[in-house]
Amino acid sequence: MKTRHMNESGKDRTDMQENRYAFIFDMDGVLTDNMTFHAQSWVDLFRDFGLEGMDPQRYLVETAGMKGHDVLRYFLDPDISAVEADRLTELKDFLYRVNSRSLIKPLAGLHGFLERAGNAGIRLGVGTGSGAKNTAYVLGLLEVEHLFQAVVGAHHVREGKPAPDIFLRAAELLGVEPHRCIVFEDALPGVEAASRAGMSCVAITTTNSRDAFEAFGNVIDIIDDFLHAKPSAILGRLHEPRAEKRTAIL
């Protein structure tokens, strides 16, 4: 039975269609290989607070994909106030934008993959732990925002990754049931968030090695970029026995 909802204009519509699929993309490390820029900005910020031993790789392994507030609670102060967390996150994001403006490039094959998926009728969304400014900044530089039917960031939900809120909200906006959504993620908290949302996941190796994703039962493929990825082949993996889903697209 289909569930009827009101859309943003107030018109009644059928949201969840049985024959509809969606691809939901994390942004940083998936649409663009920029996670090291984020990591270095956090390291620079933390050094001002005397936090020694912090390095970009530790951030990437332990907290990549989390909301800024959660990163600060994890590394700096579990009791940090919301006001102070907002201030420090904005400072870190400013450092990131200043240092990366000329370096943000689409991951290889991205535009062609998005166009093929869209032409196949697959709904496309973004589910990112970044805030409003960084999301607009990256999607604008990549010139891809018009290809997505939904964009959900950290500012749209209460709990960030590894909670499932971001991906569930994206699925809701796209009008697709979670089990018919495939998430594209580079970060371990993001893969966990997809699992908790009831979604399969294609892992991207920009941030973590292939071995790092092997423990996740919802990972149906592991790819390095989008150059040879085929939307139809990825959709086909949803219906394969779980043991057959781990063959990477080469």
C-alpha atoms as a PDB file:
ATOM      1  CA  MET A   1       0.000   0.000   0.000  1.00  0.00           C
ATOM      2  CA  LYS A   2       1.384   3.412  -0.950  1.00  0.00           C
ATOM      3  CA  THR A   3       1.723   6.133   1.630  1.00  0.00           C
ATOM      4  CA  ARG A   4       0.386   9.546   0.762  1.00  0.00           C
ATOM      5  CA  HIS A   5       2.060  12.710   2.044  1.00  0.00           C
ATOM      6  CA  MET A   6       1.918  16.431   1.518  1.00  0.00           C
ATOM      7  CA  ASN A   7       4.799  17.893  -0.477  1.00  0.00           C
ATOM      8  CA  GLU A   8       6.411  21.249   0.307  1.00  0.00           C
ATOM      9  CA  SER A   9       3.858  23.123  -1.808  1.00  0.00           C
ATOM     10  CA  GLY A  10       1.036  21.529   0.174  1.00  0.00           C
ATOM     11  CA  LYS A  11      -0.162  19.256  -2.640  1.00  0.00           C
ATOM     12  CA  ASP A  12      -1.062  15.663  -1.959  1.00  0.00           C
ATOM     13  CA  ARG A  13       1.241  13.163  -3.674  1.00  0.00           C
ATOM     14  CA  THR A  14       2.269   9.515  -3.554  1.00  0.00           C
ATOM     15  CA  ASP A  15       5.760   9.506  -2.069  1.00  0.00           C
ATOM     16  CA  MET A  16       6.923   5.936  -1.939  1.00  0.00           C
ATOM     17  CA  GLN A  17       6.767   4.211  -5.310  1.00  0.00           C
ATOM     18  CA  GLU A  18       7.471   0.496  -5.485  1.00  0.00           C
ATOM     19  CA  ASN A  19       9.468   0.784  -8.712  1.00  0.00           C
ATOM     20  CA  ARG A  20      11.670   3.714  -7.668  1.00  0.00           C
ATOM     21  CA  TYR A  21      15.336   3.529  -6.617  1.00  0.00           C
ATOM     22  CA  ALA A  22      17.706   6.160  -5.249  1.00  0.00           C
ATOM     23  CA  PHE A  23      21.431   6.781  -4.996  1.00  0.00           C
ATOM     24  CA  ILE A  24      22.390   8.918  -1.985  1.00  0.00           C
ATOM     25  CA  PHE A  25      25.902  10.347  -2.018  1.00  0.00           C
ATOM     26  CA  ASP A  26      27.991  11.526   0.856  1.00  0.00           C
ATOM     27  CA  MET A  27      29.711  14.678  -0.383  1.00  0.00           C
ATOM     28  CA  ASP A  28      33.225  15.014   1.034  1.00  0.00           C
ATOM     29  CA  GLY A  29      35.411  12.124  -0.092  1.00  0.00           C
ATOM     30  CA  VAL A  30      32.770  10.854  -2.518  1.00  0.00           C
ATOM     31  CA  LEU A  31      31.819  13.604  -4.941  1.00  0.00           C
ATOM     32  CA  THR A  32      35.316  15.014  -4.509  1.00  0.00           C
ATOM     33  CA  ASP A  33      38.517  13.724  -2.926  1.00  0.00           C
ATOM     34  CA  ASN A  34      38.812  16.518  -0.365  1.00  0.00           C
ATOM     35  CA  MET A  35      38.903  14.800   3.023  1.00  0.00           C
ATOM     36  CA  THR A  36      42.587  15.528   3.587  1.00  0.00           C
ATOM     37  CA  PHE A  37      41.790  19.251   3.327  1.00  0.00           C
ATOM     38  CA  HIS A  38      39.178  18.910   6.076  1.00  0.00           C
ATOM     39  CA  ALA A  39      41.563  16.850   8.170  1.00  0.00           C
ATOM     40  CA  GLN A  40      44.390  19.370   7.942  1.00  0.00           C
ATOM     41  CA  SER A  41      42.040  22.214   8.893  1.00  0.00           C
ATOM     42  CA  TRP A  42      40.992  20.328  12.042  1.00  0.00           C
ATOM     43  CA  VAL A  43      44.628  19.624  12.912  1.00  0.00           C
ATOM     44  CA  ASP A  44      45.518  23.310  12.523  1.00  0.00           C
ATOM     45  CA  LEU A  45      42.617  24.279  14.773  1.00  0.00           C
ATOM     46  CA  PHE A  46      43.419  21.721  17.456  1.00  0.00           C
ATOM     47  CA  ARG A  47      47.071  22.763  17.611  1.00  0.00           C
ATOM     48  CA  ASP A  48      45.917  26.174  18.809  1.00  0.00           C
ATOM     49  CA  PHE A  49      44.437  24.351  21.807  1.00  0.00           C
ATOM     50  CA  GLY A  50      47.653  22.489  22.556  1.00  0.00           C
ATOM     51  CA  LEU A  51      46.353  19.138  21.323  1.00  0.00           C
ATOM     52  CA  GLU A  52      49.567  17.415  20.276  1.00  0.00           C
ATOM     53  CA  GLY A  53      49.713  14.058  18.529  1.00  0.00           C
ATOM     54  CA  MET A  54      46.695  14.901  16.392  1.00  0.00           C
ATOM     55  CA  ASP A  55      47.337  14.175  12.727  1.00  0.00           C
ATOM     56  CA  PRO A  56      45.153  14.124   9.600  1.00  0.00           C
ATOM     57  CA  GLN A  57      45.120  10.334   9.375  1.00  0.00           C
ATOM     58  CA  ARG A  58      43.749   9.962  12.894  1.00  0.00           C
ATOM     59  CA  TYR A  59      40.886  12.315  12.048  1.00  0.00           C
ATOM     60  CA  LEU A  60      40.164  10.424   8.825  1.00  0.00           C
ATOM     61  CA  VAL A  61      40.060   7.025  10.510  1.00  0.00           C
ATOM     62  CA  GLU A  62      38.230   7.940  13.705  1.00  0.00           C
ATOM     63  CA  THR A  63      35.808  10.765  12.908  1.00  0.00           C
ATOM     64  CA  ALA A  64      35.616  11.472   9.160  1.00  0.00           C
ATOM     65  CA  GLY A  65      32.014  12.102   8.167  1.00  0.00           C
ATOM     66  CA  MET A  66      30.853  13.233  11.600  1.00  0.00           C
ATOM     67  CA  LYS A  67      29.272  16.620  12.273  1.00  0.00           C
ATOM     68  CA  GLY A  68      31.693  19.292  13.456  1.00  0.00           C
ATOM     69  CA  HIS A  69      30.169  19.366  16.929  1.00  0.00           C
ATOM     70  CA  ASP A  70      30.745  15.628  17.302  1.00  0.00           C
ATOM     71  CA  VAL A  71      34.368  15.926  16.141  1.00  0.00           C
ATOM     72  CA  LEU A  72      34.969  18.597  18.792  1.00  0.00           C
ATOM     73  CA  ARG A  73      33.327  16.477  21.493  1.00  0.00           C
ATOM     74  CA  TYR A  74      35.415  13.469  20.467  1.00  0.00           C
ATOM     75  CA  PHE A  75      38.825  15.141  20.348  1.00  0.00           C
ATOM     76  CA  LEU A  76      38.611  18.328  22.388  1.00  0.00           C
ATOM     77  CA  ASP A  77      35.916  18.431  25.068  1.00  0.00           C
ATOM     78  CA  PRO A  78      32.928  16.087  25.514  1.00  0.00           C
ATOM     79  CA  ASP A  79      31.138  18.869  27.414  1.00  0.00           C
ATOM     80  CA  ILE A  80      31.791  21.702  24.960  1.00  0.00           C
ATOM     81  CA  SER A  81      28.890  24.140  24.754  1.00  0.00           C
ATOM     82  CA  ALA A  82      26.834  24.463  21.598  1.00  0.00           C
ATOM     83  CA  VAL A  83      27.849  28.114  21.256  1.00  0.00           C
ATOM     84  CA  GLU A  84      31.566  27.328  21.478  1.00  0.00           C
ATOM     85  CA  ALA A  85      31.188  24.333  19.158  1.00  0.00           C
ATOM     86  CA  ASP A  86      29.467  26.548  16.592  1.00  0.00           C
ATOM     87  CA  ARG A  87      32.260  29.111  16.822  1.00  0.00           C
ATOM     88  CA  LEU A  88      35.066  26.586  16.423  1.00  0.00           C
ATOM     89  CA  THR A  89      33.328  24.670  13.642  1.00  0.00           C
ATOM     90  CA  GLU A  90      32.855  27.892  11.690  1.00  0.00           C
ATOM     91  CA  LEU A  91      36.517  28.778  12.200  1.00  0.00           C
ATOM     92  CA  LYS A  92      37.622  25.355  10.972  1.00  0.00           C
ATOM     93  CA  ASP A  93      35.288  25.578   7.972  1.00  0.00           C
ATOM     94  CA  PHE A  94      36.670  29.004   7.087  1.00  0.00           C
ATOM     95  CA  LEU A  95      40.214  27.593   7.121  1.00  0.00           C
ATOM     96  CA  TYR A  96      39.048  24.716   4.936  1.00  0.00           C
ATOM     97  CA  ARG A  97      37.377  26.931   2.329  1.00  0.00           C
ATOM     98  CA  VAL A  98      40.317  29.333   2.124  1.00  0.00           C
ATOM     99  CA  ASN A  99      42.864  26.543   1.704  1.00  0.00           C
ATOM    100  CA  SER A 100      40.927  24.322  -0.699  1.00  0.00           C
ATOM    101  CA  ARG A 101      39.210  26.668  -3.134  1.00  0.00           C
ATOM    102  CA  SER A 102      41.547  25.931  -6.041  1.00  0.00           C
ATOM    103  CA  LEU A 103      41.850  22.225  -5.188  1.00  0.00           C
ATOM    104  CA  ILE A 104      38.242  20.964  -5.212  1.00  0.00           C
ATOM    105  CA  LYS A 105      37.747  18.748  -8.263  1.00  0.00           C
ATOM    106  CA  PRO A 106      35.094  16.131  -9.079  1.00  0.00           C
ATOM    107  CA  LEU A 107      36.047  12.533  -8.405  1.00  0.00           C
ATOM    108  CA  ALA A 108      37.009  10.850 -11.665  1.00  0.00           C
ATOM    109  CA  GLY A 109      33.953   9.888 -13.728  1.00  0.00           C
ATOM    110  CA  LEU A 110      31.482  11.662 -11.432  1.00  0.00           C
ATOM    111  CA  HIS A 111      29.573  13.768 -13.945  1.00  0.00           C
ATOM    112  CA  GLY A 112      29.067  10.942 -16.401  1.00  0.00           C
ATOM    113  CA  PHE A 113      27.920   8.569 -13.658  1.00  0.00           C
ATOM    114  CA  LEU A 114      25.389  11.044 -12.293  1.00  0.00           C
ATOM    115  CA  GLU A 115      24.026  11.738 -15.748  1.00  0.00           C
ATOM    116  CA  ARG A 116      23.674   8.037 -16.582  1.00  0.00           C
ATOM    117  CA  ALA A 117      21.934   7.362 -13.275  1.00  0.00           C
ATOM    118  CA  GLY A 118      19.569  10.276 -13.746  1.00  0.00           C
ATOM    119  CA  ASN A 119      18.750   9.236 -17.315  1.00  0.00           C
ATOM    120  CA  ALA A 120      17.936   5.748 -15.988  1.00  0.00           C
ATOM    121  CA  GLY A 121      15.294   7.238 -13.703  1.00  0.00           C
ATOM    122  CA  ILE A 122      17.269   6.761 -10.487  1.00  0.00           C
ATOM    123  CA  ARG A 123      16.552   9.453  -7.917  1.00  0.00           C
ATOM    124  CA  LEU A 124      19.712  11.252  -6.757  1.00  0.00           C
ATOM    125  CA  GLY A 125      20.413  12.841  -3.402  1.00  0.00           C
ATOM    126  CA  VAL A 126      23.220  14.114  -1.178  1.00  0.00           C
ATOM    127  CA  GLY A 127      23.523  13.145   2.491  1.00  0.00           C
ATOM    128  CA  THR A 128      26.474  14.955   4.038  1.00  0.00           C
ATOM    129  CA  GLY A 129      27.785  15.737   7.494  1.00  0.00           C
ATOM    130  CA  SER A 130      28.811  19.186   6.273  1.00  0.00           C
ATOM    131  CA  GLY A 131      26.898  22.327   7.169  1.00  0.00           C
ATOM    132  CA  ALA A 132      25.082  24.707   4.849  1.00  0.00           C
ATOM    133  CA  LYS A 133      28.059  26.877   3.808  1.00  0.00           C
ATOM    134  CA  ASN A 134      30.412  23.998   3.023  1.00  0.00           C
ATOM    135  CA  THR A 135      27.700  22.073   1.179  1.00  0.00           C
ATOM    136  CA  ALA A 136      26.860  25.026  -1.066  1.00  0.00           C
ATOM    137  CA  TYR A 137      30.575  25.740  -1.511  1.00  0.00           C
ATOM    138  CA  VAL A 138      31.485  22.234  -2.717  1.00  0.00           C
ATOM    139  CA  LEU A 139      28.405  21.554  -4.839  1.00  0.00           C
ATOM    140  CA  GLY A 140      28.846  24.953  -6.465  1.00  0.00           C
ATOM    141  CA  LEU A 141      32.507  24.342  -7.318  1.00  0.00           C
ATOM    142  CA  LEU A 142      31.656  20.909  -8.725  1.00  0.00           C
ATOM    143  CA  GLU A 143      28.667  22.301 -10.689  1.00  0.00           C
ATOM    144  CA  VAL A 144      26.464  19.327  -9.795  1.00  0.00           C
ATOM    145  CA  GLU A 145      23.760  20.709  -7.499  1.00  0.00           C
ATOM    146  CA  HIS A 146      21.179  20.765 -10.319  1.00  0.00           C
ATOM    147  CA  LEU A 147      21.543  16.985 -10.728  1.00  0.00           C
ATOM    148  CA  PHE A 148      20.213  16.185  -7.249  1.00  0.00           C
ATOM    149  CA  GLN A 149      16.573  16.065  -6.210  1.00  0.00           C
ATOM    150  CA  ALA A 150      17.437  16.329  -2.496  1.00  0.00           C
ATOM    151  CA  VAL A 151      20.368  17.714  -0.511  1.00  0.00           C
ATOM    152  CA  VAL A 152      20.518  17.005   3.225  1.00  0.00           C
ATOM    153  CA  GLY A 153      23.269  18.346   5.475  1.00  0.00           C
ATOM    154  CA  ALA A 154      24.153  18.313   9.147  1.00  0.00           C
ATOM    155  CA  HIS A 155      22.020  21.425   9.691  1.00  0.00           C
ATOM    156  CA  HIS A 156      18.868  19.571   8.643  1.00  0.00           C
ATOM    157  CA  VAL A 157      18.908  16.830  11.289  1.00  0.00           C
ATOM    158  CA  ARG A 158      19.377  16.447  15.018  1.00  0.00           C
ATOM    159  CA  GLU A 159      21.885  13.577  14.990  1.00  0.00           C
ATOM    160  CA  GLY A 160      24.809  13.264  12.588  1.00  0.00           C
ATOM    161  CA  LYS A 161      26.509  10.119  11.331  1.00  0.00           C
ATOM    162  CA  PRO A 162      26.816   7.347  12.480  1.00  0.00           C
ATOM    163  CA  ALA A 163      23.145   7.958  13.335  1.00  0.00           C
ATOM    164  CA  PRO A 164      20.951   7.242  10.277  1.00  0.00           C
ATOM    165  CA  ASP A 165      19.055  10.558  10.340  1.00  0.00           C
ATOM    166  CA  ILE A 166      20.751  12.216   7.356  1.00  0.00           C
ATOM    167  CA  PHE A 167      20.174   9.280   5.002  1.00  0.00           C
ATOM    168  CA  LEU A 168      16.634   8.646   6.203  1.00  0.00           C
ATOM    169  CA  ARG A 169      15.740  12.293   5.621  1.00  0.00           C
ATOM    170  CA  ALA A 170      17.241  12.158   2.125  1.00  0.00           C
ATOM    171  CA  ALA A 171      15.222   9.019   1.323  1.00  0.00           C
ATOM    172  CA  GLU A 172      12.066  10.713   2.575  1.00  0.00           C
ATOM    173  CA  LEU A 173      12.648  13.750   0.358  1.00  0.00           C
ATOM    174  CA  LEU A 174      13.418  11.529  -2.626  1.00  0.00           C
ATOM    175  CA  GLY A 175      10.273   9.466  -2.042  1.00  0.00           C
ATOM    176  CA  VAL A 176      12.112   6.154  -1.937  1.00  0.00           C
ATOM    177  CA  GLU A 177      11.936   3.397   0.672  1.00  0.00           C
ATOM    178  CA  PRO A 178      15.251   2.968   2.551  1.00  0.00           C
ATOM    179  CA  HIS A 179      15.794  -0.606   1.341  1.00  0.00           C
ATOM    180  CA  ARG A 180      15.674   0.685  -2.251  1.00  0.00           C
ATOM    181  CA  CYS A 181      18.362   3.309  -1.597  1.00  0.00           C
ATOM    182  CA  ILE A 182      22.076   2.806  -2.160  1.00  0.00           C
ATOM    183  CA  VAL A 183      24.469   5.060  -0.265  1.00  0.00           C
ATOM    184  CA  PHE A 184      27.905   6.016  -1.611  1.00  0.00           C
ATOM    185  CA  GLU A 185      30.313   6.561   1.287  1.00  0.00           C
ATOM    186  CA  ASP A 186      34.025   6.885   1.995  1.00  0.00           C
ATOM    187  CA  ALA A 187      33.916   7.152   5.805  1.00  0.00           C
ATOM    188  CA  LEU A 188      33.277   4.375   8.305  1.00  0.00           C
ATOM    189  CA  PRO A 189      30.722   6.362  10.367  1.00  0.00           C
ATOM    190  CA  GLY A 190      28.853   6.972   7.121  1.00  0.00           C
ATOM    191  CA  VAL A 191      28.785   3.283   6.200  1.00  0.00           C
ATOM    192  CA  GLU A 192      27.468   2.545   9.688  1.00  0.00           C
ATOM    193  CA  ALA A 193      24.819   5.254   9.277  1.00  0.00           C
ATOM    194  CA  ALA A 194      23.687   3.655   6.018  1.00  0.00           C
ATOM    195  CA  SER A 195      23.477   0.266   7.719  1.00  0.00           C
ATOM    196  CA  ARG A 196      21.401   1.696  10.550  1.00  0.00           C
ATOM    197  CA  ALA A 197      19.125   3.309   7.968  1.00  0.00           C
ATOM    198  CA  GLY A 198      18.546  -0.086   6.342  1.00  0.00           C
ATOM    199  CA  MET A 199      20.431   0.905   3.193  1.00  0.00           C
ATOM    200  CA  SER A 200      23.039  -0.880   1.116  1.00  0.00           C
ATOM    201  CA  CYS A 201      26.293   0.934   0.507  1.00  0.00           C
ATOM    202  CA  VAL A 202      28.949   1.339  -2.163  1.00  0.00           C
ATOM    203  CA  ALA A 203      32.245   2.167  -0.452  1.00  0.00           C
ATOM    204  CA  ILE A 204      34.699   4.640  -1.993  1.00  0.00           C
ATOM    205  CA  THR A 205      38.407   4.185  -1.216  1.00  0.00           C
ATOM    206  CA  THR A 206      39.411   7.860  -1.058  1.00  0.00           C
ATOM    207  CA  THR A 207      39.610   7.845   2.759  1.00  0.00           C
ATOM    208  CA  ASN A 208      39.849   4.208   3.855  1.00  0.00           C
ATOM    209  CA  SER A 209      41.366   1.064   2.384  1.00  0.00           C
ATOM    210  CA  ARG A 210      39.268  -1.726   0.909  1.00  0.00           C
ATOM    211  CA  ASP A 211      40.023  -3.884   3.931  1.00  0.00           C
ATOM    212  CA  ALA A 212      38.440  -1.315   6.254  1.00  0.00           C
ATOM    213  CA  PHE A 213      35.011  -1.921   4.694  1.00  0.00           C
ATOM    214  CA  GLU A 214      35.032  -5.710   4.875  1.00  0.00           C
ATOM    215  CA  ALA A 215      33.376  -5.828   8.295  1.00  0.00           C
ATOM    216  CA  PHE A 216      30.224  -4.079   7.056  1.00  0.00           C
ATOM    217  CA  GLY A 217      27.488  -6.413   5.862  1.00  0.00           C
ATOM    218  CA  ASN A 218      25.696  -3.663   3.938  1.00  0.00           C
ATOM    219  CA  VAL A 219      28.635  -2.925   1.599  1.00  0.00           C
ATOM    220  CA  ILE A 220      27.695  -4.304  -1.817  1.00  0.00           C
ATOM    221  CA  ASP A 221      30.648  -2.912  -3.741  1.00  0.00           C
ATOM    222  CA  ILE A 222      33.958  -1.124  -3.257  1.00  0.00           C
ATOM    223  CA  ILE A 223      35.204   1.291  -5.920  1.00  0.00           C
ATOM    224  CA  ASP A 224      38.052   3.766  -6.294  1.00  0.00           C
ATOM    225  CA  ASP A 225      36.123   6.288  -8.421  1.00  0.00           C
ATOM    226  CA  PHE A 226      33.211   6.488 -10.870  1.00  0.00           C
ATOM    227  CA  LEU A 227      35.116   6.026 -14.135  1.00  0.00           C
ATOM    228  CA  HIS A 228      33.914   2.492 -14.828  1.00  0.00           C
ATOM    229  CA  ALA A 229      30.942   2.323 -12.450  1.00  0.00           C
ATOM    230  CA  LYS A 230      27.631   1.461 -14.077  1.00  0.00           C
ATOM    231  CA  PRO A 231      24.367   2.415 -12.362  1.00  0.00           C
ATOM    232  CA  SER A 232      22.572  -0.656 -13.728  1.00  0.00           C
ATOM    233  CA  ALA A 233      25.273  -3.013 -12.431  1.00  0.00           C
ATOM    234  CA  ILE A 234      25.175  -1.416  -8.991  1.00  0.00           C
ATOM    235  CA  LEU A 235      21.390  -1.706  -8.836  1.00  0.00           C
ATOM    236  CA  GLY A 236      21.693  -5.348  -9.823  1.00  0.00           C
ATOM    237  CA  ARG A 237      23.740  -6.048  -6.715  1.00  0.00           C
ATOM    238  CA  LEU A 238      20.735  -5.277  -4.534  1.00  0.00           C
ATOM    239  CA  HIS A 239      19.140  -8.498  -5.743  1.00  0.00           C
ATOM    240  CA  GLU A 240      22.206 -10.751  -5.582  1.00  0.00           C
ATOM    241  CA  PRO A 241      22.910 -13.130  -2.700  1.00  0.00           C
ATOM    242  CA  ARG A 242      24.949 -11.279  -0.066  1.00  0.00           C
ATOM    243  CA  ALA A 243      28.092 -13.332  -0.681  1.00  0.00           C
ATOM    244  CA  GLU A 244      28.187 -12.229  -4.324  1.00  0.00           C
ATOM    245  CA  LYS A 245      27.924  -8.505  -3.641  1.00  0.00           C
ATOM    246  CA  ARG A 246      31.516  -7.808  -2.731  1.00  0.00           C
ATOM    247  CA  THR A 247      32.989  -7.895  -6.267  1.00  0.00           C
ATOM    248  CA  ALA A 248      34.433  -4.448  -6.962  1.00  0.00           C
ATOM    249  CA  ILE A 249      33.803  -2.609 -10.226  1.00  0.00           C
ATOM    250  CA  LEU A 250      37.181  -2.472 -11.892  1.00  0.00           C
END
